[in-house]
Amino acid sequence: MTTPSTGPHHFAMDAWISTAPFEQLLNMKIEEAADGQATLSMPFYREYSNGAGIMHGGALVSLADTAVVMAIKSILEPGSHFATTKMEVTFQHPVKKGVVTARAKMVSKVERTIEGRVTVFDEDERAVMEYSTTFKIARDTKLRGITFADGSATAPASTAEPADS
């Protein structure tokens, strides 16, 4: 029996604005991402439920965070390195079924700090969660160790700096 690798991991992505392995695991779909805004959707599968049978808050937060990432990617140079440094979440209603949709927008960019906001809606267009977040662009702004389907690649992973540097 082989043990799964704990990293570091190197992988290929379809494009700069595309889902990464974790987002694919949650079946996220990028509906649109342009001009500092993005819309993503995700089905509520049984595997995403908590012990009460409603959609796990962590799954909703993952969708919201990813939606802001796609909004930010739509205005940054491909391969830019940035990360979440702060988030605030308000849950408004439980999700019991269907597909949820996150609508994100970048609300400010001051030097290396970016703020974003997201509202997540259920399939009846009822707001179920509000999400506010702050991201920071790394001083060394290039991601490392990722290949894109168009053949482009980021620098080797061995020289990567953390986003908070």
N, C-alpha and C. Protein backbone atom coordinates (compact mmCIF):
# COMPACT_ATOMS: atom_id res chain seq x y z
N MET A 1 0.85 -1.18 0.00
CA MET A 1 0.00 0.00 0.00
C MET A 1 0.90 1.24 0.00
N THR A 2 0.63 2.16 -0.90
CA THR A 2 1.42 3.39 -0.95
C THR A 2 0.78 4.47 -0.11
N THR A 3 1.62 5.25 0.52
CA THR A 3 1.16 6.36 1.33
C THR A 3 1.10 7.61 0.47
N PRO A 4 0.00 8.36 0.54
CA PRO A 4 -0.06 9.59 -0.25
C PRO A 4 1.05 10.56 0.15
N SER A 5 1.54 11.30 -0.81
CA SER A 5 2.59 12.28 -0.56
C SER A 5 2.04 13.46 0.23
N THR A 6 2.84 13.95 1.15
CA THR A 6 2.46 15.15 1.91
C THR A 6 3.18 16.39 1.36
N GLY A 7 3.78 16.28 0.19
CA GLY A 7 4.35 17.44 -0.49
C GLY A 7 5.85 17.56 -0.33
N PRO A 8 6.42 18.57 -0.96
CA PRO A 8 5.71 19.60 -1.73
C PRO A 8 5.12 19.02 -3.00
N HIS A 9 4.04 19.63 -3.47
CA HIS A 9 3.31 19.14 -4.63
C HIS A 9 3.55 20.03 -5.84
N HIS A 10 3.72 19.40 -6.98
CA HIS A 10 3.86 20.11 -8.25
C HIS A 10 2.77 19.58 -9.17
N PHE A 11 2.10 20.46 -9.86
CA PHE A 11 0.99 20.03 -10.70
C PHE A 11 0.78 21.02 -11.83
N ALA A 12 -0.08 20.63 -12.74
CA ALA A 12 -0.43 21.48 -13.88
C ALA A 12 -1.85 22.00 -13.70
N MET A 13 -2.07 23.22 -14.16
CA MET A 13 -3.41 23.82 -14.16
C MET A 13 -3.77 24.15 -15.60
N ASP A 14 -5.05 24.18 -15.89
CA ASP A 14 -5.49 24.47 -17.25
C ASP A 14 -5.08 25.86 -17.70
N ALA A 15 -5.21 26.83 -16.81
CA ALA A 15 -4.91 28.22 -17.15
C ALA A 15 -4.74 29.01 -15.86
N TRP A 16 -4.33 30.27 -15.98
CA TRP A 16 -4.19 31.15 -14.82
C TRP A 16 -5.51 31.24 -14.06
N ILE A 17 -6.60 31.46 -14.77
CA ILE A 17 -7.92 31.47 -14.14
C ILE A 17 -8.56 30.12 -14.41
N SER A 18 -8.32 29.20 -13.48
CA SER A 18 -8.89 27.85 -13.55
C SER A 18 -8.87 27.26 -12.14
N THR A 19 -9.59 26.18 -11.97
CA THR A 19 -9.67 25.59 -10.64
C THR A 19 -8.43 24.74 -10.33
N ALA A 20 -7.99 24.83 -9.09
CA ALA A 20 -6.88 24.04 -8.58
C ALA A 20 -7.42 22.72 -8.03
N PRO A 21 -6.55 21.79 -7.65
CA PRO A 21 -7.03 20.47 -7.19
C PRO A 21 -8.07 20.53 -6.06
N PHE A 22 -7.90 21.34 -5.04
CA PHE A 22 -8.88 21.40 -3.95
C PHE A 22 -10.23 21.88 -4.47
N GLU A 23 -10.22 22.88 -5.33
CA GLU A 23 -11.47 23.42 -5.89
C GLU A 23 -12.15 22.39 -6.77
N GLN A 24 -11.36 21.58 -7.48
CA GLN A 24 -11.93 20.50 -8.29
C GLN A 24 -12.55 19.44 -7.39
N LEU A 25 -11.91 19.16 -6.25
CA LEU A 25 -12.44 18.20 -5.29
C LEU A 25 -13.84 18.61 -4.83
N LEU A 26 -14.07 19.92 -4.70
CA LEU A 26 -15.37 20.45 -4.28
C LEU A 26 -16.30 20.75 -5.47
N ASN A 27 -15.87 20.37 -6.66
CA ASN A 27 -16.70 20.55 -7.88
C ASN A 27 -17.08 22.00 -8.15
N MET A 28 -16.17 22.93 -7.85
CA MET A 28 -16.42 24.34 -8.13
C MET A 28 -16.33 24.59 -9.63
N LYS A 29 -17.18 25.49 -10.10
CA LYS A 29 -17.19 25.86 -11.51
C LYS A 29 -17.07 27.37 -11.61
N ILE A 30 -16.13 27.83 -12.41
CA ILE A 30 -15.96 29.27 -12.64
C ILE A 30 -16.94 29.66 -13.76
N GLU A 31 -17.93 30.44 -13.40
CA GLU A 31 -18.92 30.89 -14.39
C GLU A 31 -18.37 32.07 -15.18
N GLU A 32 -17.72 33.00 -14.47
CA GLU A 32 -17.07 34.14 -15.12
C GLU A 32 -16.07 34.77 -14.16
N ALA A 33 -15.05 35.39 -14.73
CA ALA A 33 -14.05 36.10 -13.95
C ALA A 33 -13.43 37.16 -14.86
N ALA A 34 -13.74 38.44 -14.57
CA ALA A 34 -13.22 39.54 -15.38
C ALA A 34 -13.39 40.85 -14.63
N ASP A 35 -12.47 41.77 -14.90
CA ASP A 35 -12.58 43.14 -14.38
C ASP A 35 -12.76 43.20 -12.86
N GLY A 36 -12.06 42.34 -12.13
CA GLY A 36 -12.12 42.38 -10.67
C GLY A 36 -13.37 41.78 -10.07
N GLN A 37 -14.12 41.02 -10.85
CA GLN A 37 -15.33 40.36 -10.36
C GLN A 37 -15.33 38.90 -10.81
N ALA A 38 -16.02 38.05 -10.07
CA ALA A 38 -16.11 36.64 -10.45
C ALA A 38 -17.39 36.03 -9.90
N THR A 39 -17.89 35.04 -10.63
CA THR A 39 -19.03 34.25 -10.19
C THR A 39 -18.64 32.78 -10.30
N LEU A 40 -18.78 32.06 -9.18
CA LEU A 40 -18.49 30.63 -9.15
C LEU A 40 -19.69 29.90 -8.59
N SER A 41 -19.85 28.64 -8.97
CA SER A 41 -20.93 27.82 -8.43
C SER A 41 -20.37 26.50 -7.92
N MET A 42 -21.16 25.86 -7.05
CA MET A 42 -20.75 24.59 -6.47
C MET A 42 -22.02 23.83 -6.05
N PRO A 43 -22.11 22.56 -6.42
CA PRO A 43 -23.27 21.77 -6.00
C PRO A 43 -23.16 21.38 -4.52
N PHE A 44 -24.29 21.13 -3.90
CA PHE A 44 -24.29 20.62 -2.52
C PHE A 44 -24.46 19.11 -2.58
N TYR A 45 -23.31 18.42 -2.58
CA TYR A 45 -23.34 16.96 -2.53
C TYR A 45 -23.34 16.51 -1.07
N ARG A 46 -23.83 15.31 -0.86
CA ARG A 46 -23.92 14.74 0.49
C ARG A 46 -22.59 14.84 1.23
N GLU A 47 -21.49 14.65 0.52
CA GLU A 47 -20.16 14.68 1.14
C GLU A 47 -19.81 16.05 1.70
N TYR A 48 -20.55 17.09 1.33
CA TYR A 48 -20.27 18.45 1.81
C TYR A 48 -21.17 18.84 2.98
N SER A 49 -21.90 17.87 3.53
CA SER A 49 -22.82 18.20 4.63
C SER A 49 -22.15 18.02 5.98
N ASN A 50 -22.68 18.76 6.95
CA ASN A 50 -22.22 18.60 8.33
C ASN A 50 -23.13 17.59 9.02
N GLY A 51 -22.98 17.42 10.32
CA GLY A 51 -23.76 16.43 11.06
C GLY A 51 -25.24 16.72 11.14
N ALA A 52 -25.64 17.94 10.82
CA ALA A 52 -27.06 18.30 10.82
C ALA A 52 -27.70 18.15 9.45
N GLY A 53 -26.89 17.73 8.45
CA GLY A 53 -27.42 17.54 7.11
C GLY A 53 -27.49 18.79 6.27
N ILE A 54 -26.89 19.89 6.75
CA ILE A 54 -26.84 21.11 5.94
C ILE A 54 -25.42 21.28 5.40
N MET A 55 -25.27 22.16 4.43
CA MET A 55 -23.97 22.34 3.80
C MET A 55 -22.97 22.86 4.82
N HIS A 56 -21.82 22.22 4.87
CA HIS A 56 -20.77 22.58 5.82
C HIS A 56 -20.29 24.01 5.56
N GLY A 57 -20.16 24.77 6.64
CA GLY A 57 -19.71 26.15 6.52
C GLY A 57 -18.34 26.27 5.87
N GLY A 58 -17.47 25.31 6.12
CA GLY A 58 -16.15 25.33 5.51
C GLY A 58 -16.21 25.20 4.00
N ALA A 59 -17.17 24.44 3.49
CA ALA A 59 -17.33 24.32 2.04
C ALA A 59 -17.79 25.65 1.45
N LEU A 60 -18.72 26.31 2.13
CA LEU A 60 -19.18 27.63 1.67
C LEU A 60 -18.06 28.66 1.70
N VAL A 61 -17.26 28.65 2.77
CA VAL A 61 -16.14 29.59 2.88
C VAL A 61 -15.11 29.30 1.79
N SER A 62 -14.87 28.03 1.49
CA SER A 62 -13.93 27.68 0.42
C SER A 62 -14.41 28.23 -0.92
N LEU A 63 -15.70 28.12 -1.18
CA LEU A 63 -16.25 28.68 -2.43
C LEU A 63 -16.07 30.19 -2.46
N ALA A 64 -16.41 30.87 -1.38
CA ALA A 64 -16.30 32.32 -1.33
C ALA A 64 -14.86 32.78 -1.51
N ASP A 65 -13.94 32.14 -0.81
CA ASP A 65 -12.53 32.51 -0.90
C ASP A 65 -12.02 32.32 -2.33
N THR A 66 -12.38 31.21 -2.94
CA THR A 66 -11.96 30.93 -4.31
C THR A 66 -12.56 31.95 -5.28
N ALA A 67 -13.79 32.36 -5.04
CA ALA A 67 -14.42 33.37 -5.91
C ALA A 67 -13.63 34.68 -5.88
N VAL A 68 -13.20 35.10 -4.69
CA VAL A 68 -12.40 36.33 -4.60
C VAL A 68 -11.07 36.13 -5.30
N VAL A 69 -10.47 34.97 -5.14
CA VAL A 69 -9.21 34.69 -5.82
C VAL A 69 -9.36 34.87 -7.33
N MET A 70 -10.44 34.36 -7.89
CA MET A 70 -10.64 34.48 -9.34
C MET A 70 -10.88 35.93 -9.75
N ALA A 71 -11.58 36.68 -8.90
CA ALA A 71 -11.76 38.11 -9.18
C ALA A 71 -10.42 38.82 -9.20
N ILE A 72 -9.56 38.50 -8.23
CA ILE A 72 -8.23 39.12 -8.16
C ILE A 72 -7.38 38.68 -9.34
N LYS A 73 -7.40 37.40 -9.66
CA LYS A 73 -6.61 36.92 -10.80
C LYS A 73 -7.00 37.63 -12.09
N SER A 74 -8.25 38.05 -12.18
CA SER A 74 -8.71 38.70 -13.42
C SER A 74 -8.06 40.06 -13.65
N ILE A 75 -7.41 40.62 -12.62
CA ILE A 75 -6.77 41.93 -12.79
C ILE A 75 -5.26 41.90 -12.55
N LEU A 76 -4.73 40.79 -12.06
CA LEU A 76 -3.28 40.69 -11.83
C LEU A 76 -2.60 39.95 -12.98
N GLU A 77 -1.31 40.18 -13.10
CA GLU A 77 -0.51 39.48 -14.09
C GLU A 77 -0.50 37.99 -13.79
N PRO A 78 -0.67 37.13 -14.80
CA PRO A 78 -0.63 35.69 -14.57
C PRO A 78 0.65 35.28 -13.82
N GLY A 79 0.48 34.38 -12.86
CA GLY A 79 1.60 33.90 -12.07
C GLY A 79 1.88 34.71 -10.83
N SER A 80 1.09 35.78 -10.59
CA SER A 80 1.29 36.60 -9.40
C SER A 80 1.01 35.77 -8.14
N HIS A 81 1.78 36.02 -7.11
CA HIS A 81 1.66 35.25 -5.87
C HIS A 81 0.99 36.11 -4.81
N PHE A 82 -0.17 35.65 -4.33
CA PHE A 82 -0.92 36.35 -3.28
C PHE A 82 -1.65 35.33 -2.43
N ALA A 83 -2.02 35.74 -1.21
CA ALA A 83 -2.67 34.79 -0.30
C ALA A 83 -3.63 35.52 0.63
N THR A 84 -4.62 34.77 1.12
CA THR A 84 -5.57 35.28 2.11
C THR A 84 -4.83 35.54 3.41
N THR A 85 -5.03 36.72 3.99
CA THR A 85 -4.43 37.03 5.30
C THR A 85 -5.48 37.27 6.37
N LYS A 86 -6.72 37.53 5.95
CA LYS A 86 -7.79 37.81 6.92
C LYS A 86 -9.13 37.50 6.26
N MET A 87 -10.07 36.99 7.05
CA MET A 87 -11.43 36.78 6.53
C MET A 87 -12.45 36.95 7.64
N GLU A 88 -13.63 37.39 7.23
CA GLU A 88 -14.76 37.51 8.16
C GLU A 88 -15.98 36.95 7.46
N VAL A 89 -16.73 36.11 8.17
CA VAL A 89 -17.86 35.41 7.58
C VAL A 89 -19.10 35.63 8.43
N THR A 90 -20.23 35.87 7.75
CA THR A 90 -21.52 35.92 8.42
C THR A 90 -22.45 34.94 7.71
N PHE A 91 -22.86 33.90 8.44
CA PHE A 91 -23.81 32.94 7.88
C PHE A 91 -25.21 33.46 8.13
N GLN A 92 -26.06 33.44 7.09
CA GLN A 92 -27.40 34.00 7.20
C GLN A 92 -28.51 32.95 7.15
N HIS A 93 -28.32 31.92 6.35
CA HIS A 93 -29.33 30.86 6.21
C HIS A 93 -28.63 29.54 5.91
N PRO A 94 -29.20 28.43 6.35
CA PRO A 94 -28.60 27.13 6.02
C PRO A 94 -28.90 26.75 4.57
N VAL A 95 -27.98 25.99 3.99
CA VAL A 95 -28.19 25.44 2.66
C VAL A 95 -28.53 23.98 2.84
N LYS A 96 -29.69 23.57 2.29
CA LYS A 96 -30.17 22.21 2.46
C LYS A 96 -30.14 21.39 1.17
N LYS A 97 -29.99 22.09 0.03
CA LYS A 97 -30.02 21.37 -1.25
C LYS A 97 -29.55 22.29 -2.37
N GLY A 98 -29.32 21.68 -3.53
CA GLY A 98 -29.11 22.44 -4.74
C GLY A 98 -27.68 22.89 -5.00
N VAL A 99 -27.59 23.98 -5.74
CA VAL A 99 -26.32 24.57 -6.16
C VAL A 99 -26.21 25.95 -5.53
N VAL A 100 -25.05 26.25 -4.95
CA VAL A 100 -24.80 27.59 -4.41
C VAL A 100 -23.94 28.37 -5.38
N THR A 101 -24.13 29.69 -5.37
CA THR A 101 -23.40 30.58 -6.27
C THR A 101 -22.75 31.69 -5.46
N ALA A 102 -21.48 31.91 -5.71
CA ALA A 102 -20.74 32.99 -5.05
C ALA A 102 -20.48 34.10 -6.05
N ARG A 103 -20.84 35.32 -5.67
CA ARG A 103 -20.57 36.50 -6.51
C ARG A 103 -19.58 37.38 -5.76
N ALA A 104 -18.39 37.49 -6.33
CA ALA A 104 -17.28 38.18 -5.67
C ALA A 104 -16.88 39.43 -6.42
N LYS A 105 -16.35 40.39 -5.65
CA LYS A 105 -15.76 41.57 -6.27
C LYS A 105 -14.59 42.05 -5.43
N MET A 106 -13.60 42.53 -6.13
CA MET A 106 -12.49 43.17 -5.48
C MET A 106 -12.95 44.58 -5.15
N VAL A 107 -12.82 45.00 -3.89
CA VAL A 107 -13.33 46.32 -3.52
C VAL A 107 -12.24 47.36 -3.35
N SER A 108 -10.99 46.93 -3.12
CA SER A 108 -9.90 47.90 -3.06
C SER A 108 -8.56 47.21 -3.24
N LYS A 109 -7.62 47.99 -3.75
CA LYS A 109 -6.23 47.53 -3.88
C LYS A 109 -5.36 48.72 -3.52
N VAL A 110 -4.63 48.59 -2.42
CA VAL A 110 -3.71 49.63 -1.97
C VAL A 110 -2.35 48.98 -1.83
N GLU A 111 -1.44 49.37 -2.69
CA GLU A 111 -0.11 48.77 -2.76
C GLU A 111 -0.24 47.27 -2.91
N ARG A 112 0.19 46.47 -1.92
CA ARG A 112 0.15 45.01 -2.02
C ARG A 112 -1.06 44.40 -1.32
N THR A 113 -1.96 45.22 -0.79
CA THR A 113 -3.12 44.72 -0.05
C THR A 113 -4.39 44.85 -0.90
N ILE A 114 -5.13 43.75 -0.97
CA ILE A 114 -6.37 43.70 -1.76
C ILE A 114 -7.50 43.27 -0.85
N GLU A 115 -8.63 43.96 -0.91
CA GLU A 115 -9.81 43.56 -0.16
C GLU A 115 -10.89 43.10 -1.13
N GLY A 116 -11.65 42.10 -0.70
CA GLY A 116 -12.72 41.57 -1.52
C GLY A 116 -13.96 41.28 -0.70
N ARG A 117 -15.09 41.19 -1.38
CA ARG A 117 -16.37 40.88 -0.75
C ARG A 117 -17.09 39.85 -1.62
N VAL A 118 -17.83 38.99 -0.94
CA VAL A 118 -18.58 37.94 -1.63
C VAL A 118 -19.93 37.76 -0.95
N THR A 119 -20.95 37.53 -1.76
CA THR A 119 -22.23 37.05 -1.26
C THR A 119 -22.45 35.69 -1.90
N VAL A 120 -22.81 34.71 -1.07
CA VAL A 120 -23.13 33.37 -1.56
C VAL A 120 -24.64 33.22 -1.51
N PHE A 121 -25.20 32.73 -2.62
CA PHE A 121 -26.65 32.58 -2.77
C PHE A 121 -27.01 31.10 -2.94
N ASP A 122 -28.19 30.72 -2.43
CA ASP A 122 -28.68 29.38 -2.70
C ASP A 122 -29.38 29.37 -4.05
N GLU A 123 -29.94 28.23 -4.43
CA GLU A 123 -30.54 28.13 -5.76
C GLU A 123 -31.81 28.96 -5.92
N ASP A 124 -32.36 29.46 -4.80
CA ASP A 124 -33.52 30.35 -4.85
C ASP A 124 -33.11 31.82 -4.82
N GLU A 125 -31.79 32.08 -5.00
CA GLU A 125 -31.23 33.44 -4.99
C GLU A 125 -31.34 34.12 -3.63
N ARG A 126 -31.45 33.34 -2.58
CA ARG A 126 -31.45 33.88 -1.22
C ARG A 126 -30.00 33.94 -0.74
N ALA A 127 -29.59 35.10 -0.21
CA ALA A 127 -28.24 35.23 0.33
C ALA A 127 -28.10 34.34 1.55
N VAL A 128 -27.11 33.45 1.53
CA VAL A 128 -26.90 32.53 2.65
C VAL A 128 -25.63 32.84 3.44
N MET A 129 -24.73 33.63 2.85
CA MET A 129 -23.48 33.96 3.53
C MET A 129 -22.86 35.22 2.95
N GLU A 130 -22.31 36.05 3.83
CA GLU A 130 -21.51 37.22 3.42
C GLU A 130 -20.08 36.96 3.84
N TYR A 131 -19.14 37.35 2.99
CA TYR A 131 -17.73 37.05 3.23
C TYR A 131 -16.91 38.28 2.86
N SER A 132 -16.06 38.72 3.77
CA SER A 132 -15.13 39.81 3.52
C SER A 132 -13.73 39.28 3.75
N THR A 133 -12.79 39.71 2.93
CA THR A 133 -11.45 39.15 3.02
C THR A 133 -10.38 40.15 2.63
N THR A 134 -9.19 39.89 3.11
CA THR A 134 -8.01 40.67 2.74
C THR A 134 -6.96 39.71 2.22
N PHE A 135 -6.34 40.09 1.14
CA PHE A 135 -5.24 39.33 0.54
C PHE A 135 -4.01 40.21 0.51
N LYS A 136 -2.86 39.57 0.47
CA LYS A 136 -1.61 40.31 0.34
C LYS A 136 -0.83 39.71 -0.82
N ILE A 137 -0.31 40.59 -1.67
CA ILE A 137 0.55 40.17 -2.77
C ILE A 137 1.97 40.05 -2.22
N ALA A 138 2.63 38.94 -2.51
CA ALA A 138 3.99 38.71 -2.02
C ALA A 138 4.96 39.73 -2.62
N ARG A 139 6.03 40.02 -1.88
CA ARG A 139 7.08 40.91 -2.41
C ARG A 139 7.67 40.30 -3.68
N ASP A 140 7.96 39.02 -3.62
CA ASP A 140 8.39 38.27 -4.80
C ASP A 140 7.10 37.78 -5.42
N THR A 141 6.60 38.52 -6.38
CA THR A 141 5.21 38.32 -6.81
C THR A 141 4.97 37.13 -7.72
N LYS A 142 5.95 36.30 -7.98
CA LYS A 142 5.73 35.17 -8.89
C LYS A 142 5.55 33.85 -8.16
N LEU A 143 4.49 33.13 -8.52
CA LEU A 143 4.29 31.76 -8.05
C LEU A 143 5.41 30.89 -8.59
N ARG A 144 5.63 29.78 -7.96
CA ARG A 144 6.69 28.88 -8.41
C ARG A 144 6.18 27.44 -8.44
N GLY A 145 6.70 26.66 -9.40
CA GLY A 145 6.43 25.24 -9.45
C GLY A 145 5.10 24.82 -10.02
N ILE A 146 4.45 25.67 -10.82
CA ILE A 146 3.16 25.32 -11.43
C ILE A 146 3.28 25.44 -12.94
N THR A 147 2.73 24.48 -13.64
CA THR A 147 2.72 24.49 -15.10
C THR A 147 1.28 24.70 -15.56
N PHE A 148 1.11 25.51 -16.61
CA PHE A 148 -0.21 25.74 -17.19
C PHE A 148 -0.32 24.99 -18.51
N ALA A 149 -1.54 24.63 -18.90
CA ALA A 149 -1.78 23.80 -20.08
C ALA A 149 -1.23 24.43 -21.36
N ASP A 150 -1.11 25.76 -21.40
CA ASP A 150 -0.58 26.41 -22.60
C ASP A 150 0.94 26.24 -22.73
N GLY A 151 1.53 25.49 -21.77
CA GLY A 151 2.97 25.24 -21.82
C GLY A 151 3.79 26.21 -20.99
N SER A 152 3.18 27.28 -20.51
CA SER A 152 3.93 28.21 -19.68
C SER A 152 4.09 27.61 -18.29
N ALA A 153 5.09 28.06 -17.60
CA ALA A 153 5.35 27.55 -16.25
C ALA A 153 5.84 28.67 -15.38
N THR A 154 5.65 28.49 -14.10
CA THR A 154 6.20 29.43 -13.13
C THR A 154 7.63 28.99 -12.83
N ALA A 155 8.35 29.77 -12.07
CA ALA A 155 9.73 29.44 -11.71
C ALA A 155 9.77 28.17 -10.86
N PRO A 156 10.93 27.55 -10.72
CA PRO A 156 11.03 26.34 -9.88
C PRO A 156 10.56 26.59 -8.46
N ALA A 157 9.97 25.58 -7.84
CA ALA A 157 9.40 25.71 -6.50
C ALA A 157 10.44 25.95 -5.43
N SER A 158 11.66 25.55 -5.62
CA SER A 158 12.66 25.63 -4.56
C SER A 158 13.00 27.04 -4.13
N THR A 159 12.62 28.07 -4.92
CA THR A 159 12.96 29.45 -4.56
C THR A 159 11.74 30.24 -4.13
N ALA A 160 10.62 29.59 -3.87
CA ALA A 160 9.39 30.30 -3.52
C ALA A 160 9.51 31.01 -2.17
N GLU A 161 8.91 32.17 -2.08
CA GLU A 161 8.82 32.91 -0.82
C GLU A 161 7.38 32.89 -0.36
N PRO A 162 7.12 32.89 0.94
CA PRO A 162 5.75 32.93 1.43
C PRO A 162 5.08 34.26 1.10
N ALA A 163 3.75 34.25 1.00
CA ALA A 163 3.00 35.45 0.64
C ALA A 163 3.13 36.56 1.65
N ASP A 164 3.48 36.25 2.90
CA ASP A 164 3.55 37.29 3.91
C ASP A 164 4.94 37.92 4.00
N SER A 165 5.81 37.58 3.07
CA SER A 165 7.17 38.13 3.12
C SER A 165 7.21 39.59 2.69
